Amino acid sequence: MNLAHALLLFAGLAAEGLAAVPEPGAPDQASTLLAVQRKYENAVAMSAQGRIIEAEDELRDIVGTCSRVFGKEHPDTLINRSNLAATLAEQGKYAEAEKENREVLSIRRRVLGEKHPDTLMSRNNLAAALQEQGRHSEAVKEYHAVLQARLRVLGAEHLETLESRNNLATAYNDQGRHADAEKEHRLVLALRSRLLGPRHPKTLASRNNLAAVLQELDRQAEAEQEHRTVLDLRQQVLGANHPDVFLSCFNLALCLEARSKPAEALGFMRRAHAGFKRTLGAGHPHTRIAGQSVSQIEAQLKP
């Protein structure tokens, strides 16, 4: 298994501000909004520190308050339900994340329409939850629909369109359509390099994803070089303890193992396992997979 695509991001957490504007003469709503804003900021800080379970608790409380005070269809309620779904996905609770995303998507379709950016974001988040559950055909269908809508509305070089292409390509790779995945990833990589620069985290994510496809195509030497370059650049840009660095360690270790370099692979896999355990928790699927891989490589090295 290759953890090719970046860890699921919080859908709007720390990126979207709260939208509620209380009516004049509604002090209860104003004080509630202030309290919600503070809890939202706490959840952002917790997620940044890897305290995902605590962030989930905060977000559940926020969703309950927003639903009660502002209504179940209010933008803040839906934003925070999306954030909650992303937090569930970060913990590997993909079925729960799917349920939240489907319910938010249903409301946004009815209230905002099929082409609204928030509706498309919900479809993207749903596709990610499906992909993590191994339902690749369903994920491809959703990602493809989002990409087509963003191409029409935003254009081929918009960053959200590129995000959709990237996501579709990772789903193609998971589905076994490796040639299609390589084509899409190379297109996204070229555009991100030009628009964002070669060291931008999104550009590095594209290089990581391309390397994963090269592994699937059994072009291991090319894949190893890409993974080494991405790991080096991520450490420079993001710091040694960023989750994306541990992701690169994991993928490089798999590549080294495939190239019959188990001793070197073990060092990178141990680093990935320790990093995932610290940032995601011992029960997260990424942590468990890395731990199993450590054991397998250690077994190979025993005399």
C-alpha atoms as a PDB file:
ATOM      1  CA  MET A   1       0.000   0.000   0.000  1.00  0.00           C
ATOM      2  CA  ASN A   2       1.340   3.411  -0.917  1.00  0.00           C
ATOM      3  CA  LEU A   3       0.177   6.459   1.019  1.00  0.00           C
ATOM      4  CA  ALA A   4       0.399   8.478  -2.155  1.00  0.00           C
ATOM      5  CA  HIS A   5      -1.979  11.335  -1.639  1.00  0.00           C
ATOM      6  CA  ALA A   6      -1.551  13.870   1.115  1.00  0.00           C
ATOM      7  CA  LEU A   7      -3.275  13.251   4.408  1.00  0.00           C
ATOM      8  CA  LEU A   8      -6.851  14.473   4.331  1.00  0.00           C
ATOM      9  CA  LEU A   9      -7.033  18.171   5.037  1.00  0.00           C
ATOM     10  CA  PHE A  10      -9.527  19.907   7.237  1.00  0.00           C
ATOM     11  CA  ALA A  11     -12.169  21.163   4.833  1.00  0.00           C
ATOM     12  CA  GLY A  12     -12.098  24.827   5.732  1.00  0.00           C
ATOM     13  CA  LEU A  13     -10.691  24.495   9.249  1.00  0.00           C
ATOM     14  CA  ALA A  14      -8.441  27.519   9.720  1.00  0.00           C
ATOM     15  CA  ALA A  15      -9.238  28.619   6.168  1.00  0.00           C
ATOM     16  CA  GLU A  16     -12.914  29.608   6.262  1.00  0.00           C
ATOM     17  CA  GLY A  17     -14.040  32.184   8.774  1.00  0.00           C
ATOM     18  CA  LEU A  18     -17.325  31.823  10.587  1.00  0.00           C
ATOM     19  CA  ALA A  19     -20.125  33.416   8.601  1.00  0.00           C
ATOM     20  CA  ALA A  20     -22.809  34.128  11.178  1.00  0.00           C
ATOM     21  CA  VAL A  21     -23.854  37.751  11.559  1.00  0.00           C
ATOM     22  CA  PRO A  22     -26.387  38.139  14.358  1.00  0.00           C
ATOM     23  CA  GLU A  23     -29.368  40.386  13.793  1.00  0.00           C
ATOM     24  CA  PRO A  24     -29.391  43.745  15.620  1.00  0.00           C
ATOM     25  CA  GLY A  25     -30.930  43.438  19.041  1.00  0.00           C
ATOM     26  CA  ALA A  26     -29.998  39.778  19.385  1.00  0.00           C
ATOM     27  CA  PRO A  27     -27.436  39.788  22.230  1.00  0.00           C
ATOM     28  CA  ASP A  28     -27.850  36.067  22.866  1.00  0.00           C
ATOM     29  CA  GLN A  29     -26.820  35.277  19.302  1.00  0.00           C
ATOM     30  CA  ALA A  30     -23.933  37.736  19.492  1.00  0.00           C
ATOM     31  CA  SER A  31     -22.556  36.166  22.671  1.00  0.00           C
ATOM     32  CA  THR A  32     -23.063  32.689  21.233  1.00  0.00           C
ATOM     33  CA  LEU A  33     -21.172  33.615  18.083  1.00  0.00           C
ATOM     34  CA  LEU A  34     -18.266  34.911  20.179  1.00  0.00           C
ATOM     35  CA  ALA A  35     -18.169  31.687  22.189  1.00  0.00           C
ATOM     36  CA  VAL A  36     -18.322  29.596  19.016  1.00  0.00           C
ATOM     37  CA  GLN A  37     -15.500  31.624  17.481  1.00  0.00           C
ATOM     38  CA  ARG A  38     -13.294  30.938  20.506  1.00  0.00           C
ATOM     39  CA  LYS A  39     -14.041  27.217  20.411  1.00  0.00           C
ATOM     40  CA  TYR A  40     -13.362  27.208  16.669  1.00  0.00           C
ATOM     41  CA  GLU A  41      -9.948  28.791  17.289  1.00  0.00           C
ATOM     42  CA  ASN A  42      -9.262  26.159  19.943  1.00  0.00           C
ATOM     43  CA  ALA A  43     -10.135  23.404  17.467  1.00  0.00           C
ATOM     44  CA  VAL A  44      -7.793  24.926  14.880  1.00  0.00           C
ATOM     45  CA  ALA A  45      -4.956  25.017  17.414  1.00  0.00           C
ATOM     46  CA  MET A  46      -5.635  21.459  18.540  1.00  0.00           C
ATOM     47  CA  SER A  47      -5.642  20.114  14.978  1.00  0.00           C
ATOM     48  CA  ALA A  48      -2.371  21.923  14.230  1.00  0.00           C
ATOM     49  CA  GLN A  49      -0.828  20.260  17.292  1.00  0.00           C
ATOM     50  CA  GLY A  50      -2.046  16.814  16.288  1.00  0.00           C
ATOM     51  CA  ARG A  51      -4.621  16.707  19.121  1.00  0.00           C
ATOM     52  CA  ILE A  52      -7.269  15.362  16.772  1.00  0.00           C
ATOM     53  CA  ILE A  53      -9.515  13.671  19.327  1.00  0.00           C
ATOM     54  CA  GLU A  54      -9.769  16.900  21.331  1.00  0.00           C
ATOM     55  CA  ALA A  55     -10.441  18.837  18.134  1.00  0.00           C
ATOM     56  CA  GLU A  56     -13.273  16.422  17.347  1.00  0.00           C
ATOM     57  CA  ASP A  57     -14.850  17.063  20.758  1.00  0.00           C
ATOM     58  CA  GLU A  58     -14.661  20.832  20.240  1.00  0.00           C
ATOM     59  CA  LEU A  59     -16.188  20.584  16.777  1.00  0.00           C
ATOM     60  CA  ARG A  60     -19.038  18.369  17.939  1.00  0.00           C
ATOM     61  CA  ASP A  61     -19.854  20.971  20.562  1.00  0.00           C
ATOM     62  CA  ILE A  62     -19.658  23.764  17.964  1.00  0.00           C
ATOM     63  CA  VAL A  63     -21.943  21.891  15.561  1.00  0.00           C
ATOM     64  CA  GLY A  64     -24.485  21.331  18.309  1.00  0.00           C
ATOM     65  CA  THR A  65     -24.462  24.990  19.324  1.00  0.00           C
ATOM     66  CA  CYS A  66     -24.671  26.282  15.743  1.00  0.00           C
ATOM     67  CA  SER A  67     -27.518  23.894  14.912  1.00  0.00           C
ATOM     68  CA  ARG A  68     -29.483  24.984  17.963  1.00  0.00           C
ATOM     69  CA  VAL A  69     -28.869  28.742  17.744  1.00  0.00           C
ATOM     70  CA  PHE A  70     -28.443  29.456  14.014  1.00  0.00           C
ATOM     71  CA  GLY A  71     -30.208  26.464  12.452  1.00  0.00           C
ATOM     72  CA  LYS A  72     -29.189  23.224  10.767  1.00  0.00           C
ATOM     73  CA  GLU A  73     -28.856  24.847   7.327  1.00  0.00           C
ATOM     74  CA  HIS A  74     -26.856  27.904   8.406  1.00  0.00           C
ATOM     75  CA  PRO A  75     -23.461  28.308   6.653  1.00  0.00           C
ATOM     76  CA  ASP A  76     -21.563  28.103   9.970  1.00  0.00           C
ATOM     77  CA  THR A  77     -23.311  24.879  10.904  1.00  0.00           C
ATOM     78  CA  LEU A  78     -22.426  23.327   7.543  1.00  0.00           C
ATOM     79  CA  ILE A  79     -18.829  24.596   7.586  1.00  0.00           C
ATOM     80  CA  ASN A  80     -18.264  23.059  10.993  1.00  0.00           C
ATOM     81  CA  ARG A  81     -19.941  19.795  10.014  1.00  0.00           C
ATOM     82  CA  SER A  82     -17.465  19.643   7.135  1.00  0.00           C
ATOM     83  CA  ASN A  83     -14.648  20.348   9.584  1.00  0.00           C
ATOM     84  CA  LEU A  84     -15.952  17.594  11.835  1.00  0.00           C
ATOM     85  CA  ALA A  85     -16.032  15.158   8.902  1.00  0.00           C
ATOM     86  CA  ALA A  86     -12.425  16.005   8.065  1.00  0.00           C
ATOM     87  CA  THR A  87     -11.423  15.476  11.686  1.00  0.00           C
ATOM     88  CA  LEU A  88     -13.102  12.072  11.661  1.00  0.00           C
ATOM     89  CA  ALA A  89     -11.221  11.186   8.474  1.00  0.00           C
ATOM     90  CA  GLU A  90      -7.932  12.259  10.087  1.00  0.00           C
ATOM     91  CA  GLN A  91      -8.588   9.557  12.693  1.00  0.00           C
ATOM     92  CA  GLY A  92      -9.414   6.932  10.091  1.00  0.00           C
ATOM     93  CA  LYS A  93     -13.160   7.054  10.833  1.00  0.00           C
ATOM     94  CA  TYR A  94     -13.991   7.108   7.146  1.00  0.00           C
ATOM     95  CA  ALA A  95     -17.527   5.708   7.341  1.00  0.00           C
ATOM     96  CA  GLU A  96     -18.503   8.411   9.854  1.00  0.00           C
ATOM     97  CA  ALA A  97     -16.811  11.041   7.675  1.00  0.00           C
ATOM     98  CA  GLU A  98     -18.761   9.787   4.659  1.00  0.00           C
ATOM     99  CA  LYS A  99     -22.053  10.096   6.554  1.00  0.00           C
ATOM    100  CA  GLU A 100     -21.331  13.691   7.613  1.00  0.00           C
ATOM    101  CA  ASN A 101     -20.193  14.679   4.125  1.00  0.00           C
ATOM    102  CA  ARG A 102     -23.280  13.162   2.483  1.00  0.00           C
ATOM    103  CA  GLU A 103     -25.619  15.040   4.804  1.00  0.00           C
ATOM    104  CA  VAL A 104     -23.806  18.354   4.292  1.00  0.00           C
ATOM    105  CA  LEU A 105     -23.747  17.792   0.524  1.00  0.00           C
ATOM    106  CA  SER A 106     -27.494  17.111   0.456  1.00  0.00           C
ATOM    107  CA  ILE A 107     -28.241  20.392   2.237  1.00  0.00           C
ATOM    108  CA  ARG A 108     -25.811  22.427   0.148  1.00  0.00           C
ATOM    109  CA  ARG A 109     -27.223  21.045  -3.089  1.00  0.00           C
ATOM    110  CA  ARG A 110     -30.726  22.052  -2.069  1.00  0.00           C
ATOM    111  CA  VAL A 111     -29.838  25.443  -0.601  1.00  0.00           C
ATOM    112  CA  LEU A 112     -26.904  26.592  -2.763  1.00  0.00           C
ATOM    113  CA  GLY A 113     -27.233  24.635  -5.992  1.00  0.00           C
ATOM    114  CA  GLU A 114     -25.132  22.054  -7.793  1.00  0.00           C
ATOM    115  CA  LYS A 115     -22.369  24.410  -9.012  1.00  0.00           C
ATOM    116  CA  HIS A 116     -21.762  26.433  -5.842  1.00  0.00           C
ATOM    117  CA  PRO A 117     -18.128  26.202  -4.607  1.00  0.00           C
ATOM    118  CA  ASP A 118     -19.253  24.879  -1.214  1.00  0.00           C
ATOM    119  CA  THR A 119     -21.316  22.156  -2.891  1.00  0.00           C
ATOM    120  CA  LEU A 120     -18.338  21.141  -5.004  1.00  0.00           C
ATOM    121  CA  MET A 121     -16.121  21.088  -1.914  1.00  0.00           C
ATOM    122  CA  SER A 122     -18.590  18.741  -0.230  1.00  0.00           C
ATOM    123  CA  ARG A 123     -18.546  16.421  -3.267  1.00  0.00           C
ATOM    124  CA  ASN A 124     -14.741  16.464  -3.158  1.00  0.00           C
ATOM    125  CA  ASN A 125     -14.741  15.608   0.549  1.00  0.00           C
ATOM    126  CA  LEU A 126     -17.222  12.798  -0.021  1.00  0.00           C
ATOM    127  CA  ALA A 127     -15.018  11.387  -2.786  1.00  0.00           C
ATOM    128  CA  ALA A 128     -12.027  11.425  -0.424  1.00  0.00           C
ATOM    129  CA  ALA A 129     -13.954   9.443   2.192  1.00  0.00           C
ATOM    130  CA  LEU A 130     -15.014   6.924  -0.458  1.00  0.00           C
ATOM    131  CA  GLN A 131     -11.455   6.612  -1.727  1.00  0.00           C
ATOM    132  CA  GLU A 132     -10.098   5.887   1.750  1.00  0.00           C
ATOM    133  CA  GLN A 133     -12.644   3.072   2.070  1.00  0.00           C
ATOM    134  CA  GLY A 134     -11.417   1.467  -1.153  1.00  0.00           C
ATOM    135  CA  ARG A 135     -14.528   2.418  -3.141  1.00  0.00           C
ATOM    136  CA  HIS A 136     -12.452   3.664  -6.038  1.00  0.00           C
ATOM    137  CA  SER A 137     -15.047   3.635  -8.830  1.00  0.00           C
ATOM    138  CA  GLU A 138     -17.399   5.774  -6.738  1.00  0.00           C
ATOM    139  CA  ALA A 139     -14.554   8.124  -5.823  1.00  0.00           C
ATOM    140  CA  VAL A 140     -13.494   8.512  -9.478  1.00  0.00           C
ATOM    141  CA  LYS A 141     -17.067   9.342 -10.476  1.00  0.00           C
ATOM    142  CA  GLU A 142     -17.333  12.088  -7.831  1.00  0.00           C
ATOM    143  CA  TYR A 143     -13.892  13.542  -8.492  1.00  0.00           C
ATOM    144  CA  HIS A 144     -14.537  13.589 -12.255  1.00  0.00           C
ATOM    145  CA  ALA A 145     -17.823  15.449 -11.788  1.00  0.00           C
ATOM    146  CA  VAL A 146     -16.165  18.043  -9.549  1.00  0.00           C
ATOM    147  CA  LEU A 147     -13.320  18.506 -12.030  1.00  0.00           C
ATOM    148  CA  GLN A 148     -15.699  19.065 -14.949  1.00  0.00           C
ATOM    149  CA  ALA A 149     -17.694  21.629 -12.977  1.00  0.00           C
ATOM    150  CA  ARG A 150     -14.563  23.496 -11.884  1.00  0.00           C
ATOM    151  CA  LEU A 151     -13.174  23.491 -15.424  1.00  0.00           C
ATOM    152  CA  ARG A 152     -16.375  25.160 -16.653  1.00  0.00           C
ATOM    153  CA  VAL A 153     -16.691  27.649 -13.813  1.00  0.00           C
ATOM    154  CA  LEU A 154     -13.072  28.383 -12.823  1.00  0.00           C
ATOM    155  CA  GLY A 155     -10.905  27.436 -15.793  1.00  0.00           C
ATOM    156  CA  ALA A 156      -8.080  24.945 -16.292  1.00  0.00           C
ATOM    157  CA  GLU A 157      -5.407  26.822 -14.316  1.00  0.00           C
ATOM    158  CA  HIS A 158      -7.389  27.726 -11.202  1.00  0.00           C
ATOM    159  CA  LEU A 159      -5.855  26.216  -8.071  1.00  0.00           C
ATOM    160  CA  GLU A 160      -9.089  24.463  -7.118  1.00  0.00           C
ATOM    161  CA  THR A 161      -9.276  22.925 -10.595  1.00  0.00           C
ATOM    162  CA  LEU A 162      -5.728  21.650 -10.191  1.00  0.00           C
ATOM    163  CA  GLU A 163      -6.682  20.205  -6.811  1.00  0.00           C
ATOM    164  CA  SER A 164      -9.496  18.311  -8.520  1.00  0.00           C
ATOM    165  CA  ARG A 165      -7.143  16.970 -11.210  1.00  0.00           C
ATOM    166  CA  ASN A 166      -4.716  15.853  -8.531  1.00  0.00           C
ATOM    167  CA  ASN A 167      -7.448  14.086  -6.577  1.00  0.00           C
ATOM    168  CA  LEU A 168      -8.809  12.388  -9.683  1.00  0.00           C
ATOM    169  CA  ALA A 169      -5.308  11.211 -10.568  1.00  0.00           C
ATOM    170  CA  THR A 170      -4.783   9.649  -7.121  1.00  0.00           C
ATOM    171  CA  ALA A 171      -8.116   7.860  -7.499  1.00  0.00           C
ATOM    172  CA  TYR A 172      -7.087   6.625 -10.952  1.00  0.00           C
ATOM    173  CA  ASN A 173      -3.898   5.233  -9.421  1.00  0.00           C
ATOM    174  CA  ASP A 174      -5.811   3.476  -6.649  1.00  0.00           C
ATOM    175  CA  GLN A 175      -8.162   2.059  -9.294  1.00  0.00           C
ATOM    176  CA  GLY A 176      -5.243   0.609 -11.246  1.00  0.00           C
ATOM    177  CA  ARG A 177      -5.396   3.127 -14.095  1.00  0.00           C
ATOM    178  CA  HIS A 178      -1.720   4.018 -13.708  1.00  0.00           C
ATOM    179  CA  ALA A 179      -1.126   5.457 -17.190  1.00  0.00           C
ATOM    180  CA  ASP A 180      -4.095   7.821 -16.763  1.00  0.00           C
ATOM    181  CA  ALA A 181      -2.809   8.761 -13.319  1.00  0.00           C
ATOM    182  CA  GLU A 182       0.689   9.548 -14.620  1.00  0.00           C
ATOM    183  CA  LYS A 183      -0.705  11.756 -17.390  1.00  0.00           C
ATOM    184  CA  GLU A 184      -2.879  13.772 -14.975  1.00  0.00           C
ATOM    185  CA  HIS A 185      -0.162  14.100 -12.320  1.00  0.00           C
ATOM    186  CA  ARG A 186       2.399  15.332 -14.856  1.00  0.00           C
ATOM    187  CA  LEU A 187      -0.069  17.958 -16.078  1.00  0.00           C
ATOM    188  CA  VAL A 188      -0.810  19.145 -12.548  1.00  0.00           C
ATOM    189  CA  LEU A 189       2.882  19.147 -11.636  1.00  0.00           C
ATOM    190  CA  ALA A 190       3.783  21.307 -14.646  1.00  0.00           C
ATOM    191  CA  LEU A 191       1.044  23.839 -13.874  1.00  0.00           C
ATOM    192  CA  ARG A 192       1.748  23.970 -10.144  1.00  0.00           C
ATOM    193  CA  SER A 193       5.473  24.409 -10.786  1.00  0.00           C
ATOM    194  CA  ARG A 194       4.750  27.377 -13.033  1.00  0.00           C
ATOM    195  CA  LEU A 195       1.988  28.956 -10.960  1.00  0.00           C
ATOM    196  CA  LEU A 196       3.217  28.242  -7.423  1.00  0.00           C
ATOM    197  CA  GLY A 197       6.919  27.523  -7.779  1.00  0.00           C
ATOM    198  CA  PRO A 198       8.941  24.297  -7.511  1.00  0.00           C
ATOM    199  CA  ARG A 199       9.199  24.355  -3.698  1.00  0.00           C
ATOM    200  CA  HIS A 200       5.559  25.023  -2.874  1.00  0.00           C
ATOM    201  CA  PRO A 201       3.943  22.274  -0.731  1.00  0.00           C
ATOM    202  CA  LYS A 202       1.315  21.638  -3.416  1.00  0.00           C
ATOM    203  CA  THR A 203       4.014  21.216  -6.068  1.00  0.00           C
ATOM    204  CA  LEU A 204       5.876  18.816  -3.793  1.00  0.00           C
ATOM    205  CA  ALA A 205       2.642  16.877  -3.232  1.00  0.00           C
ATOM    206  CA  SER A 206       2.351  16.475  -7.011  1.00  0.00           C
ATOM    207  CA  ARG A 207       5.917  15.149  -7.214  1.00  0.00           C
ATOM    208  CA  ASN A 208       5.157  12.724  -4.388  1.00  0.00           C
ATOM    209  CA  ASN A 209       2.035  11.521  -6.161  1.00  0.00           C
ATOM    210  CA  LEU A 210       3.872  11.131  -9.459  1.00  0.00           C
ATOM    211  CA  ALA A 211       6.526   9.052  -7.702  1.00  0.00           C
ATOM    212  CA  ALA A 212       3.792   6.801  -6.329  1.00  0.00           C
ATOM    213  CA  VAL A 213       2.530   6.183  -9.864  1.00  0.00           C
ATOM    214  CA  LEU A 214       6.054   5.417 -11.078  1.00  0.00           C
ATOM    215  CA  GLN A 215       6.274   2.789  -8.325  1.00  0.00           C
ATOM    216  CA  GLU A 216       3.044   1.201  -9.539  1.00  0.00           C
ATOM    217  CA  LEU A 217       4.478   1.162 -13.065  1.00  0.00           C
ATOM    218  CA  ASP A 218       7.575  -0.621 -11.662  1.00  0.00           C
ATOM    219  CA  ARG A 219       9.845   2.282 -12.594  1.00  0.00           C
ATOM    220  CA  GLN A 220      11.455   2.042  -9.180  1.00  0.00           C
ATOM    221  CA  ALA A 221      14.698   3.907  -9.897  1.00  0.00           C
ATOM    222  CA  GLU A 222      12.789   6.964 -11.134  1.00  0.00           C
ATOM    223  CA  ALA A 223      10.420   6.708  -8.180  1.00  0.00           C
ATOM    224  CA  GLU A 224      13.270   6.527  -5.656  1.00  0.00           C
ATOM    225  CA  GLN A 225      14.896   9.657  -7.067  1.00  0.00           C
ATOM    226  CA  GLU A 226      11.593  11.556  -6.923  1.00  0.00           C
ATOM    227  CA  HIS A 227      10.889  10.432  -3.350  1.00  0.00           C
ATOM    228  CA  ARG A 228      14.396  11.431  -2.199  1.00  0.00           C
ATOM    229  CA  THR A 229      14.061  14.855  -3.784  1.00  0.00           C
ATOM    230  CA  VAL A 230      10.597  15.438  -2.314  1.00  0.00           C
ATOM    231  CA  LEU A 231      11.712  14.334   1.160  1.00  0.00           C
ATOM    232  CA  ASP A 232      14.702  16.668   1.067  1.00  0.00           C
ATOM    233  CA  LEU A 233      12.612  19.636  -0.122  1.00  0.00           C
ATOM    234  CA  ARG A 234       9.791  18.967   2.359  1.00  0.00           C
ATOM    235  CA  GLN A 235      12.271  18.941   5.233  1.00  0.00           C
ATOM    236  CA  GLN A 236      13.666  22.273   4.049  1.00  0.00           C
ATOM    237  CA  VAL A 237      10.276  23.899   3.452  1.00  0.00           C
ATOM    238  CA  LEU A 238       8.051  22.313   6.128  1.00  0.00           C
ATOM    239  CA  GLY A 239      10.452  21.202   8.845  1.00  0.00           C
ATOM    240  CA  ALA A 240      11.510  17.766   9.988  1.00  0.00           C
ATOM    241  CA  ASN A 241       8.346  17.016  11.996  1.00  0.00           C
ATOM    242  CA  HIS A 242       5.663  17.839   9.454  1.00  0.00           C
ATOM    243  CA  PRO A 243       3.217  15.005   8.576  1.00  0.00           C
ATOM    244  CA  ASP A 244       4.108  15.325   4.883  1.00  0.00           C
ATOM    245  CA  VAL A 245       7.738  14.562   5.781  1.00  0.00           C
ATOM    246  CA  PHE A 246       6.651  11.326   7.482  1.00  0.00           C
ATOM    247  CA  LEU A 247       4.546  10.519   4.415  1.00  0.00           C
ATOM    248  CA  SER A 248       7.646  10.904   2.243  1.00  0.00           C
ATOM    249  CA  CYS A 249       9.643   8.692   4.623  1.00  0.00           C
ATOM    250  CA  PHE A 250       6.975   6.003   4.334  1.00  0.00           C
ATOM    251  CA  ASN A 251       6.841   6.115   0.534  1.00  0.00           C
ATOM    252  CA  LEU A 252      10.618   6.195   0.156  1.00  0.00           C
ATOM    253  CA  ALA A 253      10.910   3.200   2.510  1.00  0.00           C
ATOM    254  CA  LEU A 254       8.471   1.199   0.374  1.00  0.00           C
ATOM    255  CA  CYS A 255      10.407   2.107  -2.736  1.00  0.00           C
ATOM    256  CA  LEU A 256      13.732   1.105  -1.160  1.00  0.00           C
ATOM    257  CA  GLU A 257      12.235  -2.188  -0.015  1.00  0.00           C
ATOM    258  CA  ALA A 258      11.056  -2.874  -3.577  1.00  0.00           C
ATOM    259  CA  ARG A 259      14.595  -2.184  -4.786  1.00  0.00           C
ATOM    260  CA  SER A 260      16.030  -4.753  -2.335  1.00  0.00           C
ATOM    261  CA  LYS A 261      17.478  -2.156   0.047  1.00  0.00           C
ATOM    262  CA  PRO A 262      15.806  -3.338   3.291  1.00  0.00           C
ATOM    263  CA  ALA A 263      18.373  -1.936   5.733  1.00  0.00           C
ATOM    264  CA  GLU A 264      17.982   1.602   4.409  1.00  0.00           C
ATOM    265  CA  ALA A 265      14.226   1.147   4.088  1.00  0.00           C
ATOM    266  CA  LEU A 266      13.945   0.197   7.771  1.00  0.00           C
ATOM    267  CA  GLY A 267      15.375   3.509   8.964  1.00  0.00           C
ATOM    268  CA  PHE A 268      12.891   5.543   6.947  1.00  0.00           C
ATOM    269  CA  MET A 269       9.952   3.303   7.899  1.00  0.00           C
ATOM    270  CA  ARG A 270      10.794   3.570  11.601  1.00  0.00           C
ATOM    271  CA  ARG A 271      10.869   7.339  11.276  1.00  0.00           C
ATOM    272  CA  ALA A 272       7.510   7.318   9.475  1.00  0.00           C
ATOM    273  CA  HIS A 273       5.944   5.067  12.128  1.00  0.00           C
ATOM    274  CA  ALA A 274       7.175   7.200  15.010  1.00  0.00           C
ATOM    275  CA  GLY A 275       6.013  10.378  13.277  1.00  0.00           C
ATOM    276  CA  PHE A 276       2.552   9.037  12.469  1.00  0.00           C
ATOM    277  CA  LYS A 277       2.152   7.722  16.018  1.00  0.00           C
ATOM    278  CA  ARG A 278       3.065  11.085  17.499  1.00  0.00           C
ATOM    279  CA  THR A 279       0.954  13.243  15.166  1.00  0.00           C
ATOM    280  CA  LEU A 280      -1.982  10.967  14.296  1.00  0.00           C
ATOM    281  CA  GLY A 281      -2.178   8.562  17.207  1.00  0.00           C
ATOM    282  CA  ALA A 282      -1.447   4.861  17.629  1.00  0.00           C
ATOM    283  CA  GLY A 283      -4.813   3.750  16.244  1.00  0.00           C
ATOM    284  CA  HIS A 284      -4.702   5.655  12.960  1.00  0.00           C
ATOM    285  CA  PRO A 285      -4.547   3.461   9.818  1.00  0.00           C
ATOM    286  CA  HIS A 286      -1.331   5.139   8.648  1.00  0.00           C
ATOM    287  CA  THR A 287       0.325   4.396  11.995  1.00  0.00           C
ATOM    288  CA  ARG A 288      -0.806   0.776  11.951  1.00  0.00           C
ATOM    289  CA  ILE A 289       0.330   0.219   8.353  1.00  0.00           C
ATOM    290  CA  ALA A 290       3.741   1.753   9.061  1.00  0.00           C
ATOM    291  CA  GLY A 291       4.105  -0.378  12.192  1.00  0.00           C
ATOM    292  CA  GLN A 292       3.283  -3.531  10.247  1.00  0.00           C
ATOM    293  CA  SER A 293       5.806  -2.522   7.586  1.00  0.00           C
ATOM    294  CA  VAL A 294       8.514  -2.038  10.226  1.00  0.00           C
ATOM    295  CA  SER A 295       7.890  -5.566  11.489  1.00  0.00           C
ATOM    296  CA  GLN A 296       7.979  -7.015   7.977  1.00  0.00           C
ATOM    297  CA  ILE A 297      11.261  -5.328   7.092  1.00  0.00           C
ATOM    298  CA  GLU A 298      12.816  -6.362  10.406  1.00  0.00           C
ATOM    299  CA  ALA A 299      11.815  -9.946   9.647  1.00  0.00           C
ATOM    300  CA  GLN A 300      13.544  -9.737   6.250  1.00  0.00           C
ATOM    301  CA  LEU A 301      16.787  -8.608   7.908  1.00  0.00           C
ATOM    302  CA  LYS A 302      16.915 -11.409  10.471  1.00  0.00           C
ATOM    303  CA  PRO A 303      19.684 -13.923   9.709  1.00  0.00           C
END
